[in-house]
Each structure stands twice: as structure tokens, then as C-alpha cells.
């Protein structure tokens, strides 16, 4: 049986499944879309190409946005090509040449659910959050001292 993991609609479905984190995806999707469990299983396991009609009904039934999912797929393509090629750079700064703050913000925005599962990324965010909170508290204390 063929593998349709590279099919655009299959990629969109896989991303949506990751976001939805359904406990019983085949049953839940079958119930909401009216599609047989056999076909849903084939779609979920990339054994059959996902049709445009099924994808449309799936997205509507689960309250998702095709536009947002498509944007995220495009960002993942960038990640897999541009970001992976950066690992060839010898220095840390060289890895990020050509990536501006807007690109980074978009990447983080559309991958936050996955990035926050990464222990290193999560610890960096928490550390920076505490630094920001500490700085704000220090400013407040200084302001209070000035006023008294």
C-alpha cells in the first residue's frame, strides 16, 4: 500500500490531528464527519490520500481554519529547509544570518505547541520570563523608594 505522507491534504490532516490531540481520533472523526472508520483510519495513517471534500468537512466539523493550517505547513517547509541547512554553519551567529525578528516570531507563533514540549526551549522561556518579572519588580521597588 502506498504512503501519502507528502500529499498536501494529508500533511494538513496530520497537523490538525497534532493540534486537536484527540483521544480516539478515528472514532471521533468518523462520528463528526460521517466518514467510515476504515477510510478515516486510512487517512490518519497516510495509507490513502485525503480528499478535498473530506478535508473541508473535517475542518468545518472541528472548527479549524484551512488558511491557518496551510500557513503553518508553509512555515514547517521553511523550518525543514532553511533551518536545517543552518546546522552546517560553524558558529551560533552564522546559523541565524538572514533570519529577521518577523520570521522568528512567525515560526515561534505557529510552532508554540510543539516548542513548549521541548525541555530546553521551555526552560529558556521560563528563565527569560523570570528575568523580565524580576526587572519589573525592581523598577516598581525603585519607584516606590523614590516616592517615599
C-alpha atoms as a PDB file:
ATOM      1  CA  UNK A   1       0.000   0.000   0.000  1.00  0.00           C
ATOM      2  CA  UNK A   2       1.325   3.461  -0.855  1.00  0.00           C
ATOM      3  CA  UNK A   3       2.283   6.084   1.705  1.00  0.00           C
ATOM      4  CA  UNK A   4       0.726   9.510   1.123  1.00  0.00           C
ATOM      5  CA  UNK A   5       2.639  11.395   3.827  1.00  0.00           C
ATOM      6  CA  UNK A   6       3.848  14.005   1.285  1.00  0.00           C
ATOM      7  CA  UNK A   7       0.345  14.725  -0.038  1.00  0.00           C
ATOM      8  CA  UNK A   8      -0.712  18.303   0.827  1.00  0.00           C
ATOM      9  CA  UNK A   9      -4.099  17.332   2.279  1.00  0.00           C
ATOM     10  CA  UNK A  10      -2.508  14.521   4.300  1.00  0.00           C
ATOM     11  CA  UNK A  11       0.001  16.980   5.761  1.00  0.00           C
ATOM     12  CA  UNK A  12      -2.819  19.336   6.716  1.00  0.00           C
ATOM     13  CA  UNK A  13      -4.748  16.484   8.352  1.00  0.00           C
ATOM     14  CA  UNK A  14      -1.666  15.352  10.308  1.00  0.00           C
ATOM     15  CA  UNK A  15      -1.023  18.871  11.557  1.00  0.00           C
ATOM     16  CA  UNK A  16      -4.678  19.247  12.569  1.00  0.00           C
ATOM     17  CA  UNK A  17      -4.524  15.922  14.426  1.00  0.00           C
ATOM     18  CA  UNK A  18      -1.442  17.094  16.285  1.00  0.00           C
ATOM     19  CA  UNK A  19      -3.246  20.282  17.299  1.00  0.00           C
ATOM     20  CA  UNK A  20      -6.500  18.560  18.286  1.00  0.00           C
ATOM     21  CA  UNK A  21      -4.787  15.802  20.286  1.00  0.00           C
ATOM     22  CA  UNK A  22      -7.861  13.565  20.067  1.00  0.00           C
ATOM     23  CA  UNK A  23      -8.009  10.555  22.382  1.00  0.00           C
ATOM     24  CA  UNK A  24      -9.704   8.296  19.810  1.00  0.00           C
ATOM     25  CA  UNK A  25      -9.103  10.101  16.503  1.00  0.00           C
ATOM     26  CA  UNK A  26     -10.633   7.522  14.155  1.00  0.00           C
ATOM     27  CA  UNK A  27     -13.886   7.223  16.101  1.00  0.00           C
ATOM     28  CA  UNK A  28     -14.223  10.923  16.842  1.00  0.00           C
ATOM     29  CA  UNK A  29     -13.520  11.969  13.247  1.00  0.00           C
ATOM     30  CA  UNK A  30     -15.797   9.283  11.848  1.00  0.00           C
ATOM     31  CA  UNK A  31     -18.654  10.360  14.129  1.00  0.00           C
ATOM     32  CA  UNK A  32     -18.311  14.063  13.321  1.00  0.00           C
ATOM     33  CA  UNK A  33     -17.741  13.756   9.575  1.00  0.00           C
ATOM     34  CA  UNK A  34     -19.927  10.760   8.769  1.00  0.00           C
ATOM     35  CA  UNK A  35     -16.978   9.079   7.035  1.00  0.00           C
ATOM     36  CA  UNK A  36     -16.439   5.363   7.607  1.00  0.00           C
ATOM     37  CA  UNK A  37     -13.898   4.376  10.261  1.00  0.00           C
ATOM     38  CA  UNK A  38     -11.983   2.409   7.623  1.00  0.00           C
ATOM     39  CA  UNK A  39     -11.486   5.459   5.421  1.00  0.00           C
ATOM     40  CA  UNK A  40     -10.670   7.691   8.390  1.00  0.00           C
ATOM     41  CA  UNK A  41      -8.107   5.149   9.588  1.00  0.00           C
ATOM     42  CA  UNK A  42      -6.510   5.128   6.136  1.00  0.00           C
ATOM     43  CA  UNK A  43      -6.361   8.950   6.126  1.00  0.00           C
ATOM     44  CA  UNK A  44      -4.967   9.143   9.660  1.00  0.00           C
ATOM     45  CA  UNK A  45      -2.280   6.554   8.875  1.00  0.00           C
ATOM     46  CA  UNK A  46      -1.390   8.115   5.480  1.00  0.00           C
ATOM     47  CA  UNK A  47      -2.446   4.974   3.616  1.00  0.00           C
ATOM     48  CA  UNK A  48      -4.904   6.834   1.417  1.00  0.00           C
ATOM     49  CA  UNK A  49      -4.859  10.382   0.005  1.00  0.00           C
ATOM     50  CA  UNK A  50      -7.154  12.751   1.879  1.00  0.00           C
ATOM     51  CA  UNK A  51      -9.804  14.107  -0.477  1.00  0.00           C
ATOM     52  CA  UNK A  52     -10.637  17.805  -0.692  1.00  0.00           C
ATOM     53  CA  UNK A  53     -14.259  17.059   0.304  1.00  0.00           C
ATOM     54  CA  UNK A  54     -13.260  15.098   3.416  1.00  0.00           C
ATOM     55  CA  UNK A  55     -10.746  17.769   4.454  1.00  0.00           C
ATOM     56  CA  UNK A  56     -13.368  20.501   4.044  1.00  0.00           C
ATOM     57  CA  UNK A  57     -15.920  18.642   6.193  1.00  0.00           C
ATOM     58  CA  UNK A  58     -13.255  17.707   8.771  1.00  0.00           C
ATOM     59  CA  UNK A  59     -12.074  21.307   9.126  1.00  0.00           C
ATOM     60  CA  UNK A  60     -15.642  22.608   9.432  1.00  0.00           C
ATOM     61  CA  UNK A  61     -16.677  19.978  11.987  1.00  0.00           C
ATOM     62  CA  UNK A  62     -13.649  20.581  14.208  1.00  0.00           C
ATOM     63  CA  UNK A  63     -13.736  24.378  13.915  1.00  0.00           C
ATOM     64  CA  UNK A  64     -10.320  24.716  12.315  1.00  0.00           C
ATOM     65  CA  UNK A  65      -9.007  27.186   9.752  1.00  0.00           C
ATOM     66  CA  UNK A  66      -7.641  25.848   6.473  1.00  0.00           C
ATOM     67  CA  UNK A  67      -5.783  29.141   5.985  1.00  0.00           C
ATOM     68  CA  UNK A  68      -4.012  28.876   9.353  1.00  0.00           C
ATOM     69  CA  UNK A  69      -3.126  25.211   8.835  1.00  0.00           C
ATOM     70  CA  UNK A  70      -1.783  25.947   5.348  1.00  0.00           C
ATOM     71  CA  UNK A  71       0.338  28.821   6.700  1.00  0.00           C
ATOM     72  CA  UNK A  72       1.775  26.535   9.340  1.00  0.00           C
ATOM     73  CA  UNK A  73       2.591  23.873   6.729  1.00  0.00           C
ATOM     74  CA  UNK A  74       4.482  26.531   4.757  1.00  0.00           C
ATOM     75  CA  UNK A  75       6.396  27.553   7.880  1.00  0.00           C
ATOM     76  CA  UNK A  76       7.273  23.920   8.527  1.00  0.00           C
ATOM     77  CA  UNK A  77       8.673  23.728   4.991  1.00  0.00           C
ATOM     78  CA  UNK A  78      10.861  26.733   5.789  1.00  0.00           C
ATOM     79  CA  UNK A  79      11.938  25.073   9.013  1.00  0.00           C
ATOM     80  CA  UNK A  80      12.862  21.859   7.247  1.00  0.00           C
ATOM     81  CA  UNK A  81      14.840  23.567   4.511  1.00  0.00           C
ATOM     82  CA  UNK A  82      16.322  26.826   5.796  1.00  0.00           C
ATOM     83  CA  UNK A  83      16.696  25.968   9.467  1.00  0.00           C
ATOM     84  CA  UNK A  84      18.160  22.521   8.824  1.00  0.00           C
ATOM     85  CA  UNK A  85      20.717  23.957   6.422  1.00  0.00           C
ATOM     86  CA  UNK A  86      21.812  26.358   9.155  1.00  0.00           C
ATOM     87  CA  UNK A  87      23.184  23.498  11.226  1.00  0.00           C
ATOM     88  CA  UNK A  88      26.059  23.367   8.773  1.00  0.00           C
ATOM     89  CA  UNK A  89      27.250  26.775   9.947  1.00  0.00           C
ATOM     90  CA  UNK A  90      30.202  26.643  12.319  1.00  0.00           C
ATOM     91  CA  UNK A  91      29.183  29.393  14.749  1.00  0.00           C
ATOM     92  CA  UNK A  92      25.917  30.077  16.511  1.00  0.00           C
ATOM     93  CA  UNK A  93      25.567  33.542  14.971  1.00  0.00           C
ATOM     94  CA  UNK A  94      26.171  32.145  11.488  1.00  0.00           C
ATOM     95  CA  UNK A  95      23.167  29.860  11.899  1.00  0.00           C
ATOM     96  CA  UNK A  96      20.837  32.838  12.166  1.00  0.00           C
ATOM     97  CA  UNK A  97      22.156  35.040   9.377  1.00  0.00           C
ATOM     98  CA  UNK A  98      19.213  36.111   7.222  1.00  0.00           C
ATOM     99  CA  UNK A  99      16.526  35.374   9.810  1.00  0.00           C
ATOM    100  CA  UNK A 100      14.822  38.553  10.926  1.00  0.00           C
ATOM    101  CA  UNK A 101      12.665  39.065  14.008  1.00  0.00           C
ATOM    102  CA  UNK A 102       9.429  38.770  11.995  1.00  0.00           C
ATOM    103  CA  UNK A 103      10.440  35.358  10.605  1.00  0.00           C
ATOM    104  CA  UNK A 104      11.375  34.177  14.078  1.00  0.00           C
ATOM    105  CA  UNK A 105       8.124  35.480  15.571  1.00  0.00           C
ATOM    106  CA  UNK A 106       6.047  33.690  12.924  1.00  0.00           C
ATOM    107  CA  UNK A 107       7.989  30.477  13.428  1.00  0.00           C
ATOM    108  CA  UNK A 108       7.508  30.558  17.211  1.00  0.00           C
ATOM    109  CA  UNK A 109       3.833  31.557  16.912  1.00  0.00           C
ATOM    110  CA  UNK A 110       2.942  28.657  14.642  1.00  0.00           C
ATOM    111  CA  UNK A 111       5.075  26.113  16.484  1.00  0.00           C
ATOM    112  CA  UNK A 112       4.465  27.120  20.095  1.00  0.00           C
ATOM    113  CA  UNK A 113       2.542  23.937  20.969  1.00  0.00           C
ATOM    114  CA  UNK A 114       5.489  21.829  19.823  1.00  0.00           C
ATOM    115  CA  UNK A 115       8.242  24.133  21.068  1.00  0.00           C
ATOM    116  CA  UNK A 116       6.860  24.279  24.608  1.00  0.00           C
ATOM    117  CA  UNK A 117       7.142  20.483  24.813  1.00  0.00           C
ATOM    118  CA  UNK A 118      10.905  20.848  24.273  1.00  0.00           C
ATOM    119  CA  UNK A 119      12.520  20.968  27.742  1.00  0.00           C
ATOM    120  CA  UNK A 120      15.377  23.240  26.673  1.00  0.00           C
ATOM    121  CA  UNK A 121      13.123  25.737  24.895  1.00  0.00           C
ATOM    122  CA  UNK A 122      10.657  25.680  27.781  1.00  0.00           C
ATOM    123  CA  UNK A 123      13.392  26.314  30.366  1.00  0.00           C
ATOM    124  CA  UNK A 124      14.787  29.230  28.318  1.00  0.00           C
ATOM    125  CA  UNK A 125      11.350  30.842  28.130  1.00  0.00           C
ATOM    126  CA  UNK A 126      10.778  30.381  31.865  1.00  0.00           C
ATOM    127  CA  UNK A 127      14.214  31.807  32.680  1.00  0.00           C
ATOM    128  CA  UNK A 128      13.616  34.849  30.477  1.00  0.00           C
ATOM    129  CA  UNK A 129      10.138  35.322  31.934  1.00  0.00           C
ATOM    130  CA  UNK A 130      11.612  35.405  35.443  1.00  0.00           C
ATOM    131  CA  UNK A 131      14.256  37.915  34.333  1.00  0.00           C
ATOM    132  CA  UNK A 132      11.522  40.163  32.928  1.00  0.00           C
ATOM    133  CA  UNK A 133       9.393  39.789  36.074  1.00  0.00           C
ATOM    134  CA  UNK A 134      12.416  40.470  38.289  1.00  0.00           C
ATOM    135  CA  UNK A 135      13.292  43.607  36.295  1.00  0.00           C
ATOM    136  CA  UNK A 136       9.714  44.864  36.509  1.00  0.00           C
ATOM    137  CA  UNK A 137       9.635  44.243  40.266  1.00  0.00           C
ATOM    138  CA  UNK A 138      12.956  46.043  40.680  1.00  0.00           C
ATOM    139  CA  UNK A 139      11.580  49.019  38.761  1.00  0.00           C
ATOM    140  CA  UNK A 140       8.474  49.042  40.961  1.00  0.00           C
ATOM    141  CA  UNK A 141      10.598  48.927  44.144  1.00  0.00           C
ATOM    142  CA  UNK A 142      12.794  51.775  42.916  1.00  0.00           C
ATOM    143  CA  UNK A 143       9.710  53.783  42.004  1.00  0.00           C
ATOM    144  CA  UNK A 144       8.253  53.183  45.483  1.00  0.00           C
ATOM    145  CA  UNK A 145      11.514  54.270  47.120  1.00  0.00           C
ATOM    146  CA  UNK A 146      11.574  57.471  45.045  1.00  0.00           C
ATOM    147  CA  UNK A 147       8.024  58.301  46.059  1.00  0.00           C
ATOM    148  CA  UNK A 148       8.654  57.790  49.783  1.00  0.00           C
END
